[in-house]
Amino acid sequence: MLKIDKSISLTGYCVVNEGGVNANVVYLNASVSTDGNSNGSTTKSVLNQDLYFRHRKEIRKDMSDFDDAVFAIEDELASEKRKNNTKADSVTLYKTEASKTIVAPTNVKPIEVNSNLEEKKES
């Protein structure tokens, strides 16, 4: 049986300019599942240890920015999943005497309320 999962892939580099030359110091890669069920995986590989050590503050900032971009995508996908999981059959609509509509999950029994907003006792 074949199972295929869709994902979003992000790739980045922490680049520093030293002596007028741009150098890739850290390789960043992340994969985020598009189903919103799992967190992404992130890989960070130091390509030049000497440059990393000399520029670690700015490189760590770049790595943090990369993580923030991954988190933003995860959050967006999770939000979309929550919206898509709201199905019409998962709620029941109840009309009240005052013509207001109450939406409740199907597993919740509605409570009738009189005009004084006191709970009516069940018979």
PDB file of N, CA and C in Angstrom:
ATOM      1  N   MET A   1       0.845  -1.179   0.000  1.00  0.00           N
ATOM      2  CA  MET A   1       0.000   0.000   0.000  1.00  0.00           C
ATOM      3  C   MET A   1       0.891   1.243   0.000  1.00  0.00           C
ATOM      4  N   LEU A   2       0.566   2.182  -0.830  1.00  0.00           N
ATOM      5  CA  LEU A   2       1.314   3.434  -0.931  1.00  0.00           C
ATOM      6  C   LEU A   2       0.581   4.521  -0.178  1.00  0.00           C
ATOM      7  N   LYS A   3       1.299   5.226   0.660  1.00  0.00           N
ATOM      8  CA  LYS A   3       0.743   6.379   1.376  1.00  0.00           C
ATOM      9  C   LYS A   3       1.641   7.569   1.068  1.00  0.00           C
ATOM     10  N   ILE A   4       1.055   8.627   0.589  1.00  0.00           N
ATOM     11  CA  ILE A   4       1.824   9.826   0.232  1.00  0.00           C
ATOM     12  C   ILE A   4       1.377  10.973   1.115  1.00  0.00           C
ATOM     13  N   ASP A   5       2.328  11.634   1.732  1.00  0.00           N
ATOM     14  CA  ASP A   5       2.061  12.815   2.546  1.00  0.00           C
ATOM     15  C   ASP A   5       2.609  14.036   1.825  1.00  0.00           C
ATOM     16  N   LYS A   6       1.861  15.129   1.890  1.00  0.00           N
ATOM     17  CA  LYS A   6       2.325  16.387   1.310  1.00  0.00           C
ATOM     18  C   LYS A   6       3.004  17.212   2.391  1.00  0.00           C
ATOM     19  N   SER A   7       4.041  17.923   2.001  1.00  0.00           N
ATOM     20  CA  SER A   7       4.728  18.784   2.963  1.00  0.00           C
ATOM     21  C   SER A   7       5.252  20.027   2.259  1.00  0.00           C
ATOM     22  N   ILE A   8       5.574  21.003   3.070  1.00  0.00           N
ATOM     23  CA  ILE A   8       6.192  22.237   2.593  1.00  0.00           C
ATOM     24  C   ILE A   8       7.646  22.188   3.029  1.00  0.00           C
ATOM     25  N   SER A   9       8.539  22.498   2.114  1.00  0.00           N
ATOM     26  CA  SER A   9       9.969  22.479   2.418  1.00  0.00           C
ATOM     27  C   SER A   9      10.519  23.900   2.365  1.00  0.00           C
ATOM     28  N   LEU A  10      11.281  24.254   3.390  1.00  0.00           N
ATOM     29  CA  LEU A  10      11.950  25.555   3.428  1.00  0.00           C
ATOM     30  C   LEU A  10      13.453  25.317   3.496  1.00  0.00           C
ATOM     31  N   THR A  11      14.202  26.102   2.756  1.00  0.00           N
ATOM     32  CA  THR A  11      15.659  26.015   2.772  1.00  0.00           C
ATOM     33  C   THR A  11      16.220  27.413   2.940  1.00  0.00           C
ATOM     34  N   GLY A  12      17.231  27.529   3.768  1.00  0.00           N
ATOM     35  CA  GLY A  12      17.856  28.826   3.975  1.00  0.00           C
ATOM     36  C   GLY A  12      19.337  28.684   4.285  1.00  0.00           C
ATOM     37  N   TYR A  13      20.029  29.785   4.200  1.00  0.00           N
ATOM     38  CA  TYR A  13      21.449  29.839   4.545  1.00  0.00           C
ATOM     39  C   TYR A  13      21.694  31.059   5.413  1.00  0.00           C
ATOM     40  N   CYS A  14      22.538  30.906   6.406  1.00  0.00           N
ATOM     41  CA  CYS A  14      23.042  32.056   7.150  1.00  0.00           C
ATOM     42  C   CYS A  14      24.310  32.480   6.420  1.00  0.00           C
ATOM     43  N   VAL A  15      24.280  33.682   5.886  1.00  0.00           N
ATOM     44  CA  VAL A  15      25.377  34.179   5.060  1.00  0.00           C
ATOM     45  C   VAL A  15      26.040  35.342   5.774  1.00  0.00           C
ATOM     46  N   VAL A  16      27.369  35.337   5.808  1.00  0.00           N
ATOM     47  CA  VAL A  16      28.112  36.469   6.365  1.00  0.00           C
ATOM     48  C   VAL A  16      29.045  37.010   5.296  1.00  0.00           C
ATOM     49  N   ASN A  17      29.303  38.302   5.402  1.00  0.00           N
ATOM     50  CA  ASN A  17      30.244  38.940   4.500  1.00  0.00           C
ATOM     51  C   ASN A  17      31.512  39.211   5.281  1.00  0.00           C
ATOM     52  N   GLU A  18      32.562  38.581   4.861  1.00  0.00           N
ATOM     53  CA  GLU A  18      33.848  38.792   5.522  1.00  0.00           C
ATOM     54  C   GLU A  18      34.888  39.049   4.442  1.00  0.00           C
ATOM     55  N   GLY A  19      35.528  40.200   4.531  1.00  0.00           N
ATOM     56  CA  GLY A  19      36.535  40.566   3.541  1.00  0.00           C
ATOM     57  C   GLY A  19      35.947  40.784   2.159  1.00  0.00           C
ATOM     58  N   GLY A  20      34.686  41.256   2.107  1.00  0.00           N
ATOM     59  CA  GLY A  20      34.047  41.517   0.819  1.00  0.00           C
ATOM     60  C   GLY A  20      33.520  40.269   0.130  1.00  0.00           C
ATOM     61  N   VAL A  21      33.591  39.147   0.817  1.00  0.00           N
ATOM     62  CA  VAL A  21      33.131  37.892   0.220  1.00  0.00           C
ATOM     63  C   VAL A  21      31.967  37.336   1.047  1.00  0.00           C
ATOM     64  N   ASN A  22      30.861  37.021   0.376  1.00  0.00           N
ATOM     65  CA  ASN A  22      29.736  36.377   1.056  1.00  0.00           C
ATOM     66  C   ASN A  22      30.017  34.885   1.187  1.00  0.00           C
ATOM     67  N   ALA A  23      29.815  34.370   2.377  1.00  0.00           N
ATOM     68  CA  ALA A  23      30.052  32.946   2.619  1.00  0.00           C
ATOM     69  C   ALA A  23      28.842  32.330   3.314  1.00  0.00           C
ATOM     70  N   ASN A  24      28.421  31.169   2.820  1.00  0.00           N
ATOM     71  CA  ASN A  24      27.370  30.400   3.489  1.00  0.00           C
ATOM     72  C   ASN A  24      27.986  29.748   4.720  1.00  0.00           C
ATOM     73  N   VAL A  25      27.433  30.056   5.887  1.00  0.00           N
ATOM     74  CA  VAL A  25      28.004  29.553   7.135  1.00  0.00           C
ATOM     75  C   VAL A  25      27.155  28.427   7.717  1.00  0.00           C
ATOM     76  N   VAL A  26      25.839  28.574   7.644  1.00  0.00           N
ATOM     77  CA  VAL A  26      24.938  27.547   8.175  1.00  0.00           C
ATOM     78  C   VAL A  26      23.863  27.261   7.131  1.00  0.00           C
ATOM     79  N   TYR A  27      23.608  25.972   6.925  1.00  0.00           N
ATOM     80  CA  TYR A  27      22.534  25.513   6.047  1.00  0.00           C
ATOM     81  C   TYR A  27      21.332  25.193   6.920  1.00  0.00           C
ATOM     82  N   LEU A  28      20.159  25.701   6.537  1.00  0.00           N
ATOM     83  CA  LEU A  28      18.923  25.489   7.289  1.00  0.00           C
ATOM     84  C   LEU A  28      17.903  24.811   6.381  1.00  0.00           C
ATOM     85  N   ASN A  29      17.234  23.801   6.908  1.00  0.00           N
ATOM     86  CA  ASN A  29      16.212  23.116   6.143  1.00  0.00           C
ATOM     87  C   ASN A  29      15.087  22.718   7.081  1.00  0.00           C
ATOM     88  N   ALA A  30      13.859  22.882   6.629  1.00  0.00           N
ATOM     89  CA  ALA A  30      12.700  22.478   7.428  1.00  0.00           C
ATOM     90  C   ALA A  30      11.664  21.850   6.513  1.00  0.00           C
ATOM     91  N   SER A  31      10.948  20.901   7.066  1.00  0.00           N
ATOM     92  CA  SER A  31       9.847  20.256   6.370  1.00  0.00           C
ATOM     93  C   SER A  31       8.636  20.309   7.287  1.00  0.00           C
ATOM     94  N   VAL A  32       7.517  20.797   6.756  1.00  0.00           N
ATOM     95  CA  VAL A  32       6.294  20.940   7.541  1.00  0.00           C
ATOM     96  C   VAL A  32       5.193  20.160   6.839  1.00  0.00           C
ATOM     97  N   SER A  33       4.547  19.256   7.558  1.00  0.00           N
ATOM     98  CA  SER A  33       3.441  18.479   7.016  1.00  0.00           C
ATOM     99  C   SER A  33       2.260  19.406   6.746  1.00  0.00           C
ATOM    100  N   THR A  34       1.658  19.284   5.573  1.00  0.00           N
ATOM    101  CA  THR A  34       0.545  20.175   5.230  1.00  0.00           C
ATOM    102  C   THR A  34      -0.773  19.743   5.846  1.00  0.00           C
ATOM    103  N   ASP A  35      -0.818  18.571   6.494  1.00  0.00           N
ATOM    104  CA  ASP A  35      -2.073  18.152   7.123  1.00  0.00           C
ATOM    105  C   ASP A  35      -2.293  18.821   8.469  1.00  0.00           C
ATOM    106  N   GLY A  36      -1.274  19.514   8.988  1.00  0.00           N
ATOM    107  CA  GLY A  36      -1.409  20.226  10.253  1.00  0.00           C
ATOM    108  C   GLY A  36      -1.425  19.330  11.474  1.00  0.00           C
ATOM    109  N   ASN A  37      -1.212  18.025  11.279  1.00  0.00           N
ATOM    110  CA  ASN A  37      -1.247  17.092  12.406  1.00  0.00           C
ATOM    111  C   ASN A  37       0.070  16.984  13.154  1.00  0.00           C
ATOM    112  N   SER A  38       1.146  17.371  12.529  1.00  0.00           N
ATOM    113  CA  SER A  38       2.437  17.202  13.186  1.00  0.00           C
ATOM    114  C   SER A  38       3.285  18.448  13.003  1.00  0.00           C
ATOM    115  N   ASN A  39       4.222  18.609  13.912  1.00  0.00           N
ATOM    116  CA  ASN A  39       5.146  19.723  13.805  1.00  0.00           C
ATOM    117  C   ASN A  39       6.195  19.402  12.754  1.00  0.00           C
ATOM    118  N   GLY A  40       6.827  20.426  12.268  1.00  0.00           N
ATOM    119  CA  GLY A  40       7.850  20.235  11.266  1.00  0.00           C
ATOM    120  C   GLY A  40       9.148  19.741  11.867  1.00  0.00           C
ATOM    121  N   SER A  41      10.025  19.332  10.986  1.00  0.00           N
ATOM    122  CA  SER A  41      11.367  18.969  11.426  1.00  0.00           C
ATOM    123  C   SER A  41      12.333  19.973  10.815  1.00  0.00           C
ATOM    124  N   THR A  42      13.310  20.365  11.601  1.00  0.00           N
ATOM    125  CA  THR A  42      14.277  21.367  11.163  1.00  0.00           C
ATOM    126  C   THR A  42      15.684  20.812  11.302  1.00  0.00           C
ATOM    127  N   THR A  43      16.504  21.055  10.282  1.00  0.00           N
ATOM    128  CA  THR A  43      17.905  20.644  10.298  1.00  0.00           C
ATOM    129  C   THR A  43      18.768  21.886  10.152  1.00  0.00           C
ATOM    130  N   LYS A  44      19.796  21.974  10.976  1.00  0.00           N
ATOM    131  CA  LYS A  44      20.751  23.080  10.898  1.00  0.00           C
ATOM    132  C   LYS A  44      22.145  22.473  10.832  1.00  0.00           C
ATOM    133  N   SER A  45      22.876  22.824   9.784  1.00  0.00           N
ATOM    134  CA  SER A  45      24.224  22.283   9.604  1.00  0.00           C
ATOM    135  C   SER A  45      25.220  23.423   9.473  1.00  0.00           C
ATOM    136  N   VAL A  46      26.214  23.436  10.354  1.00  0.00           N
ATOM    137  CA  VAL A  46      27.261  24.456  10.288  1.00  0.00           C
ATOM    138  C   VAL A  46      28.227  24.047   9.181  1.00  0.00           C
ATOM    139  N   LEU A  47      28.396  24.929   8.199  1.00  0.00           N
ATOM    140  CA  LEU A  47      29.262  24.654   7.064  1.00  0.00           C
ATOM    141  C   LEU A  47      30.672  25.182   7.268  1.00  0.00           C
ATOM    142  N   ASN A  48      30.808  26.231   8.082  1.00  0.00           N
ATOM    143  CA  ASN A  48      32.126  26.826   8.331  1.00  0.00           C
ATOM    144  C   ASN A  48      32.204  27.179   9.813  1.00  0.00           C
ATOM    145  N   GLN A  49      32.868  26.337  10.575  1.00  0.00           N
ATOM    146  CA  GLN A  49      32.925  26.487  12.033  1.00  0.00           C
ATOM    147  C   GLN A  49      33.621  27.783  12.451  1.00  0.00           C
ATOM    148  N   ASP A  50      34.695  28.163  11.766  1.00  0.00           N
ATOM    149  CA  ASP A  50      35.421  29.394  12.123  1.00  0.00           C
ATOM    150  C   ASP A  50      34.543  30.635  11.939  1.00  0.00           C
ATOM    151  N   LEU A  51      33.866  30.731  10.791  1.00  0.00           N
ATOM    152  CA  LEU A  51      32.989  31.878  10.553  1.00  0.00           C
ATOM    153  C   LEU A  51      31.798  31.852  11.503  1.00  0.00           C
ATOM    154  N   TYR A  52      31.300  30.666  11.807  1.00  0.00           N
ATOM    155  CA  TYR A  52      30.193  30.562  12.753  1.00  0.00           C
ATOM    156  C   TYR A  52      30.612  31.124  14.110  1.00  0.00           C
ATOM    157  N   PHE A  53      31.783  30.738  14.575  1.00  0.00           N
ATOM    158  CA  PHE A  53      32.246  31.196  15.884  1.00  0.00           C
ATOM    159  C   PHE A  53      32.407  32.718  15.907  1.00  0.00           C
ATOM    160  N   ARG A  54      32.953  33.287  14.836  1.00  0.00           N
ATOM    161  CA  ARG A  54      33.183  34.734  14.804  1.00  0.00           C
ATOM    162  C   ARG A  54      31.885  35.534  14.647  1.00  0.00           C
ATOM    163  N   HIS A  55      30.884  34.967  14.027  1.00  0.00           N
ATOM    164  CA  HIS A  55      29.639  35.695  13.734  1.00  0.00           C
ATOM    165  C   HIS A  55      28.422  35.031  14.386  1.00  0.00           C
ATOM    166  N   ARG A  56      28.654  34.315  15.486  1.00  0.00           N
ATOM    167  CA  ARG A  56      27.580  33.494  16.062  1.00  0.00           C
ATOM    168  C   ARG A  56      26.361  34.295  16.509  1.00  0.00           C
ATOM    169  N   LYS A  57      26.526  35.539  16.974  1.00  0.00           N
ATOM    170  CA  LYS A  57      25.358  36.312  17.417  1.00  0.00           C
ATOM    171  C   LYS A  57      24.410  36.596  16.255  1.00  0.00           C
ATOM    172  N   GLU A  58      24.942  37.089  15.143  1.00  0.00           N
ATOM    173  CA  GLU A  58      24.075  37.383  14.001  1.00  0.00           C
ATOM    174  C   GLU A  58      23.553  36.096  13.361  1.00  0.00           C
ATOM    175  N   ILE A  59      24.353  35.040  13.389  1.00  0.00           N
ATOM    176  CA  ILE A  59      23.915  33.763  12.821  1.00  0.00           C
ATOM    177  C   ILE A  59      22.795  33.166  13.671  1.00  0.00           C
ATOM    178  N   ARG A  60      22.926  33.251  14.978  1.00  0.00           N
ATOM    179  CA  ARG A  60      21.863  32.744  15.859  1.00  0.00           C
ATOM    180  C   ARG A  60      20.570  33.528  15.660  1.00  0.00           C
ATOM    181  N   LYS A  61      20.686  34.809  15.385  1.00  0.00           N
ATOM    182  CA  LYS A  61      19.505  35.624  15.079  1.00  0.00           C
ATOM    183  C   LYS A  61      18.857  35.124  13.786  1.00  0.00           C
ATOM    184  N   ASP A  62      19.683  34.850  12.766  1.00  0.00           N
ATOM    185  CA  ASP A  62      19.159  34.314  11.510  1.00  0.00           C
ATOM    186  C   ASP A  62      18.477  32.963  11.733  1.00  0.00           C
ATOM    187  N   MET A  63      19.074  32.110  12.548  1.00  0.00           N
ATOM    188  CA  MET A  63      18.482  30.800  12.824  1.00  0.00           C
ATOM    189  C   MET A  63      17.154  30.956  13.558  1.00  0.00           C
ATOM    190  N   SER A  64      17.089  31.905  14.471  1.00  0.00           N
ATOM    191  CA  SER A  64      15.842  32.175  15.186  1.00  0.00           C
ATOM    192  C   SER A  64      14.768  32.687  14.224  1.00  0.00           C
ATOM    193  N   ASP A  65      15.159  33.553  13.291  1.00  0.00           N
ATOM    194  CA  ASP A  65      14.219  34.056  12.288  1.00  0.00           C
ATOM    195  C   ASP A  65      13.701  32.915  11.406  1.00  0.00           C
ATOM    196  N   PHE A  66      14.584  31.980  11.072  1.00  0.00           N
ATOM    197  CA  PHE A  66      14.177  30.817  10.282  1.00  0.00           C
ATOM    198  C   PHE A  66      13.156  29.981  11.061  1.00  0.00           C
ATOM    199  N   ASP A  67      13.449  29.735  12.342  1.00  0.00           N
ATOM    200  CA  ASP A  67      12.508  28.990  13.192  1.00  0.00           C
ATOM    201  C   ASP A  67      11.156  29.695  13.253  1.00  0.00           C
ATOM    202  N   ASP A  68      11.172  31.026  13.382  1.00  0.00           N
ATOM    203  CA  ASP A  68       9.921  31.790  13.427  1.00  0.00           C
ATOM    204  C   ASP A  68       9.118  31.613  12.135  1.00  0.00           C
ATOM    205  N   ALA A  69       9.816  31.564  10.988  1.00  0.00           N
ATOM    206  CA  ALA A  69       9.137  31.356   9.706  1.00  0.00           C
ATOM    207  C   ALA A  69       8.494  29.972   9.660  1.00  0.00           C
ATOM    208  N   VAL A  70       9.189  28.970  10.183  1.00  0.00           N
ATOM    209  CA  VAL A  70       8.636  27.608  10.232  1.00  0.00           C
ATOM    210  C   VAL A  70       7.412  27.581  11.146  1.00  0.00           C
ATOM    211  N   PHE A  71       7.527  28.203  12.327  1.00  0.00           N
ATOM    212  CA  PHE A  71       6.405  28.233  13.275  1.00  0.00           C
ATOM    213  C   PHE A  71       5.192  28.933  12.665  1.00  0.00           C
ATOM    214  N   ALA A  72       5.426  29.999  11.915  1.00  0.00           N
ATOM    215  CA  ALA A  72       4.323  30.737  11.289  1.00  0.00           C
ATOM    216  C   ALA A  72       3.577  29.847  10.296  1.00  0.00           C
ATOM    217  N   ILE A  73       4.308  29.054   9.535  1.00  0.00           N
ATOM    218  CA  ILE A  73       3.673  28.140   8.582  1.00  0.00           C
ATOM    219  C   ILE A  73       2.904  27.055   9.325  1.00  0.00           C
ATOM    220  N   GLU A  74       3.501  26.498  10.388  1.00  0.00           N
ATOM    221  CA  GLU A  74       2.803  25.492  11.199  1.00  0.00           C
ATOM    222  C   GLU A  74       1.503  26.059  11.766  1.00  0.00           C
ATOM    223  N   ASP A  75       1.570  27.278  12.292  1.00  0.00           N
ATOM    224  CA  ASP A  75       0.381  27.911  12.876  1.00  0.00           C
ATOM    225  C   ASP A  75      -0.696  28.151  11.818  1.00  0.00           C
ATOM    226  N   GLU A  76      -0.277  28.601  10.640  1.00  0.00           N
ATOM    227  CA  GLU A  76      -1.228  28.848   9.557  1.00  0.00           C
ATOM    228  C   GLU A  76      -1.915  27.547   9.136  1.00  0.00           C
ATOM    229  N   LEU A  77      -1.139  26.473   9.000  1.00  0.00           N
ATOM    230  CA  LEU A  77      -1.715  25.185   8.612  1.00  0.00           C
ATOM    231  C   LEU A  77      -2.653  24.649   9.687  1.00  0.00           C
ATOM    232  N   ALA A  78      -2.272  24.809  10.952  1.00  0.00           N
ATOM    233  CA  ALA A  78      -3.128  24.347  12.051  1.00  0.00           C
ATOM    234  C   ALA A  78      -4.433  25.137  12.075  1.00  0.00           C
ATOM    235  N   SER A  79      -4.353  26.440  11.809  1.00  0.00           N
ATOM    236  CA  SER A  79      -5.550  27.280  11.775  1.00  0.00           C
ATOM    237  C   SER A  79      -6.474  26.856  10.637  1.00  0.00           C
ATOM    238  N   GLU A  80      -5.900  26.586   9.472  1.00  0.00           N
ATOM    239  CA  GLU A  80      -6.689  26.130   8.330  1.00  0.00           C
ATOM    240  C   GLU A  80      -7.349  24.792   8.639  1.00  0.00           C
ATOM    241  N   LYS A  81      -6.617  23.918   9.318  1.00  0.00           N
ATOM    242  CA  LYS A  81      -7.170  22.611   9.661  1.00  0.00           C
ATOM    243  C   LYS A  81      -8.364  22.768  10.591  1.00  0.00           C
ATOM    244  N   ARG A  82      -8.246  23.654  11.589  1.00  0.00           N
ATOM    245  CA  ARG A  82      -9.370  23.879  12.507  1.00  0.00           C
ATOM    246  C   ARG A  82     -10.588  24.392  11.744  1.00  0.00           C
ATOM    247  N   LYS A  83     -10.377  25.307  10.799  1.00  0.00           N
ATOM    248  CA  LYS A  83     -11.490  25.837  10.003  1.00  0.00           C
ATOM    249  C   LYS A  83     -12.130  24.729   9.175  1.00  0.00           C
ATOM    250  N   ASN A  84     -11.303  23.887   8.567  1.00  0.00           N
ATOM    251  CA  ASN A  84     -11.814  22.815   7.709  1.00  0.00           C
ATOM    252  C   ASN A  84     -12.493  21.710   8.501  1.00  0.00           C
ATOM    253  N   ASN A  85     -12.159  21.562   9.772  1.00  0.00           N
ATOM    254  CA  ASN A  85     -12.766  20.515  10.593  1.00  0.00           C
ATOM    255  C   ASN A  85     -14.119  20.918  11.147  1.00  0.00           C
ATOM    256  N   THR A  86     -14.526  22.165  10.941  1.00  0.00           N
ATOM    257  CA  THR A  86     -15.845  22.608  11.384  1.00  0.00           C
ATOM    258  C   THR A  86     -16.841  22.160  10.325  1.00  0.00           C
ATOM    259  N   LYS A  87     -17.574  21.109  10.638  1.00  0.00           N
ATOM    260  CA  LYS A  87     -18.520  20.536   9.681  1.00  0.00           C
ATOM    261  C   LYS A  87     -19.942  20.852  10.126  1.00  0.00           C
ATOM    262  N   ALA A  88     -20.836  20.944   9.161  1.00  0.00           N
ATOM    263  CA  ALA A  88     -22.232  21.253   9.475  1.00  0.00           C
ATOM    264  C   ALA A  88     -22.857  20.180  10.352  1.00  0.00           C
ATOM    265  N   ASP A  89     -22.442  18.911  10.182  1.00  0.00           N
ATOM    266  CA  ASP A  89     -23.061  17.860  10.977  1.00  0.00           C
ATOM    267  C   ASP A  89     -22.470  17.763  12.379  1.00  0.00           C
ATOM    268  N   SER A  90     -21.516  18.599  12.709  1.00  0.00           N
ATOM    269  CA  SER A  90     -20.927  18.543  14.045  1.00  0.00           C
ATOM    270  C   SER A  90     -21.627  19.485  15.019  1.00  0.00           C
ATOM    271  N   VAL A  91     -22.593  20.248  14.533  1.00  0.00           N
ATOM    272  CA  VAL A  91     -23.346  21.144  15.408  1.00  0.00           C
ATOM    273  C   VAL A  91     -24.836  20.968  15.152  1.00  0.00           C
ATOM    274  N   THR A  92     -25.611  21.304  16.134  1.00  0.00           N
ATOM    275  CA  THR A  92     -27.062  21.274  16.007  1.00  0.00           C
ATOM    276  C   THR A  92     -27.577  22.679  16.253  1.00  0.00           C
ATOM    277  N   LEU A  93     -28.519  23.102  15.439  1.00  0.00           N
ATOM    278  CA  LEU A  93     -29.102  24.425  15.600  1.00  0.00           C
ATOM    279  C   LEU A  93     -30.424  24.286  16.337  1.00  0.00           C
ATOM    280  N   TYR A  94     -30.623  25.123  17.330  1.00  0.00           N
ATOM    281  CA  TYR A  94     -31.861  25.135  18.099  1.00  0.00           C
ATOM    282  C   TYR A  94     -32.480  26.516  17.982  1.00  0.00           C
ATOM    283  N   LYS A  95     -33.777  26.571  17.680  1.00  0.00           N
ATOM    284  CA  LYS A  95     -34.493  27.848  17.638  1.00  0.00           C
ATOM    285  C   LYS A  95     -35.136  28.068  18.994  1.00  0.00           C
ATOM    286  N   THR A  96     -34.948  29.244  19.539  1.00  0.00           N
ATOM    287  CA  THR A  96     -35.574  29.585  20.815  1.00  0.00           C
ATOM    288  C   THR A  96     -36.862  30.339  20.541  1.00  0.00           C
ATOM    289  N   GLU A  97     -37.663  30.535  21.577  1.00  0.00           N
ATOM    290  CA  GLU A  97     -38.916  31.274  21.416  1.00  0.00           C
ATOM    291  C   GLU A  97     -38.662  32.700  20.970  1.00  0.00           C
ATOM    292  N   ALA A  98     -37.541  33.246  21.336  1.00  0.00           N
ATOM    293  CA  ALA A  98     -37.215  34.626  20.962  1.00  0.00           C
ATOM    294  C   ALA A  98     -36.585  34.683  19.573  1.00  0.00           C
ATOM    295  N   SER A  99     -36.688  33.584  18.814  1.00  0.00           N
ATOM    296  CA  SER A  99     -36.153  33.486  17.454  1.00  0.00           C
ATOM    297  C   SER A  99     -34.649  33.672  17.396  1.00  0.00           C
ATOM    298  N   LYS A 100     -33.963  33.298  18.453  1.00  0.00           N
ATOM    299  CA  LYS A 100     -32.506  33.315  18.421  1.00  0.00           C
ATOM    300  C   LYS A 100     -32.042  31.906  18.088  1.00  0.00           C
ATOM    301  N   THR A 101     -30.970  31.809  17.363  1.00  0.00           N
ATOM    302  CA  THR A 101     -30.425  30.506  17.018  1.00  0.00           C
ATOM    303  C   THR A 101     -29.265  30.196  17.950  1.00  0.00           C
ATOM    304  N   ILE A 102     -29.296  29.017  18.514  1.00  0.00           N
ATOM    305  CA  ILE A 102     -28.213  28.569  19.391  1.00  0.00           C
ATOM    306  C   ILE A 102     -27.486  27.452  18.666  1.00  0.00           C
ATOM    307  N   VAL A 103     -26.182  27.546  18.603  1.00  0.00           N
ATOM    308  CA  VAL A 103     -25.377  26.510  17.980  1.00  0.00           C
ATOM    309  C   VAL A 103     -24.683  25.744  19.087  1.00  0.00           C
ATOM    310  N   ALA A 104     -24.814  24.423  19.058  1.00  0.00           N
ATOM    311  CA  ALA A 104     -24.188  23.591  20.086  1.00  0.00           C
ATOM    312  C   ALA A 104     -23.658  22.329  19.439  1.00  0.00           C
ATOM    313  N   PRO A 105     -22.572  21.781  19.945  1.00  0.00           N
ATOM    314  CA  PRO A 105     -22.094  20.494  19.429  1.00  0.00           C
ATOM    315  C   PRO A 105     -23.194  19.449  19.579  1.00  0.00           C
ATOM    316  N   THR A 106     -23.210  18.472  18.697  1.00  0.00           N
ATOM    317  CA  THR A 106     -24.285  17.484  18.706  1.00  0.00           C
ATOM    318  C   THR A 106     -24.319  16.657  19.976  1.00  0.00           C
ATOM    319  N   ASN A 107     -23.216  16.563  20.689  1.00  0.00           N
ATOM    320  CA  ASN A 107     -23.198  15.757  21.911  1.00  0.00           C
ATOM    321  C   ASN A 107     -23.630  16.546  23.146  1.00  0.00           C
ATOM    322  N   VAL A 108     -24.064  17.796  22.978  1.00  0.00           N
ATOM    323  CA  VAL A 108     -24.496  18.626  24.104  1.00  0.00           C
ATOM    324  C   VAL A 108     -26.008  18.779  24.041  1.00  0.00           C
ATOM    325  N   LYS A 109     -26.685  18.452  25.134  1.00  0.00           N
ATOM    326  CA  LYS A 109     -28.139  18.593  25.198  1.00  0.00           C
ATOM    327  C   LYS A 109     -28.476  20.045  25.540  1.00  0.00           C
ATOM    328  N   PRO A 110     -29.382  20.667  24.772  1.00  0.00           N
ATOM    329  CA  PRO A 110     -29.720  22.066  25.061  1.00  0.00           C
ATOM    330  C   PRO A 110     -30.505  22.181  26.363  1.00  0.00           C
ATOM    331  N   ILE A 111     -30.365  23.290  27.021  1.00  0.00           N
ATOM    332  CA  ILE A 111     -31.107  23.587  28.248  1.00  0.00           C
ATOM    333  C   ILE A 111     -32.112  24.670  27.899  1.00  0.00           C
ATOM    334  N   GLU A 112     -33.374  24.424  28.192  1.00  0.00           N
ATOM    335  CA  GLU A 112     -34.392  25.433  27.922  1.00  0.00           C
ATOM    336  C   GLU A 112     -34.342  26.490  29.009  1.00  0.00           C
ATOM    337  N   VAL A 113     -34.562  27.725  28.617  1.00  0.00           N
ATOM    338  CA  VAL A 113     -34.492  28.843  29.550  1.00  0.00           C
ATOM    339  C   VAL A 113     -35.764  29.662  29.403  1.00  0.00           C
ATOM    340  N   ASN A 114     -36.363  30.076  30.540  1.00  0.00           N
ATOM    341  CA  ASN A 114     -37.568  30.909  30.444  1.00  0.00           C
ATOM    342  C   ASN A 114     -37.173  32.371  30.282  1.00  0.00           C
ATOM    343  N   SER A 115     -38.164  33.233  30.189  1.00  0.00           N
ATOM    344  CA  SER A 115     -37.886  34.644  29.920  1.00  0.00           C
ATOM    345  C   SER A 115     -37.112  35.323  31.041  1.00  0.00           C
ATOM    346  N   ASN A 116     -37.131  34.770  32.243  1.00  0.00           N
ATOM    347  CA  ASN A 116     -36.369  35.343  33.353  1.00  0.00           C
ATOM    348  C   ASN A 116     -34.949  34.786  33.413  1.00  0.00           C
ATOM    349  N   LEU A 117     -34.565  34.054  32.383  1.00  0.00           N
ATOM    350  CA  LEU A 117     -33.247  33.441  32.278  1.00  0.00           C
ATOM    351  C   LEU A 117     -32.963  32.461  33.411  1.00  0.00           C
ATOM    352  N   GLU A 118     -34.015  31.821  33.882  1.00  0.00           N
ATOM    353  CA  GLU A 118     -33.848  30.773  34.878  1.00  0.00           C
ATOM    354  C   GLU A 118     -33.949  29.439  34.164  1.00  0.00           C
ATOM    355  N   GLU A 119     -33.179  28.480  34.603  1.00  0.00           N
ATOM    356  CA  GLU A 119     -33.190  27.174  33.970  1.00  0.00           C
ATOM    357  C   GLU A 119     -34.512  26.470  34.256  1.00  0.00           C
ATOM    358  N   LYS A 120     -35.134  25.924  33.186  1.00  0.00           N
ATOM    359  CA  LYS A 120     -36.364  25.154  33.372  1.00  0.00           C
ATOM    360  C   LYS A 120     -35.991  23.759  33.829  1.00  0.00           C
ATOM    361  N   LYS A 121     -36.763  23.221  34.737  1.00  0.00           N
ATOM    362  CA  LYS A 121     -36.509  21.875  35.229  1.00  0.00           C
ATOM    363  C   LYS A 121     -37.038  20.879  34.213  1.00  0.00           C
ATOM    364  N   GLU A 122     -36.254  19.812  34.014  1.00  0.00           N
ATOM    365  CA  GLU A 122     -36.675  18.772  33.086  1.00  0.00           C
ATOM    366  C   GLU A 122     -37.794  17.963  33.707  1.00  0.00           C
ATOM    367  N   SER A 123     -38.767  17.517  32.880  1.00  0.00           N
ATOM    368  CA  SER A 123     -39.886  16.735  33.391  1.00  0.00           C
ATOM    369  C   SER A 123     -39.512  15.279  33.523  1.00  0.00           C
TER     370      SER A 123
END
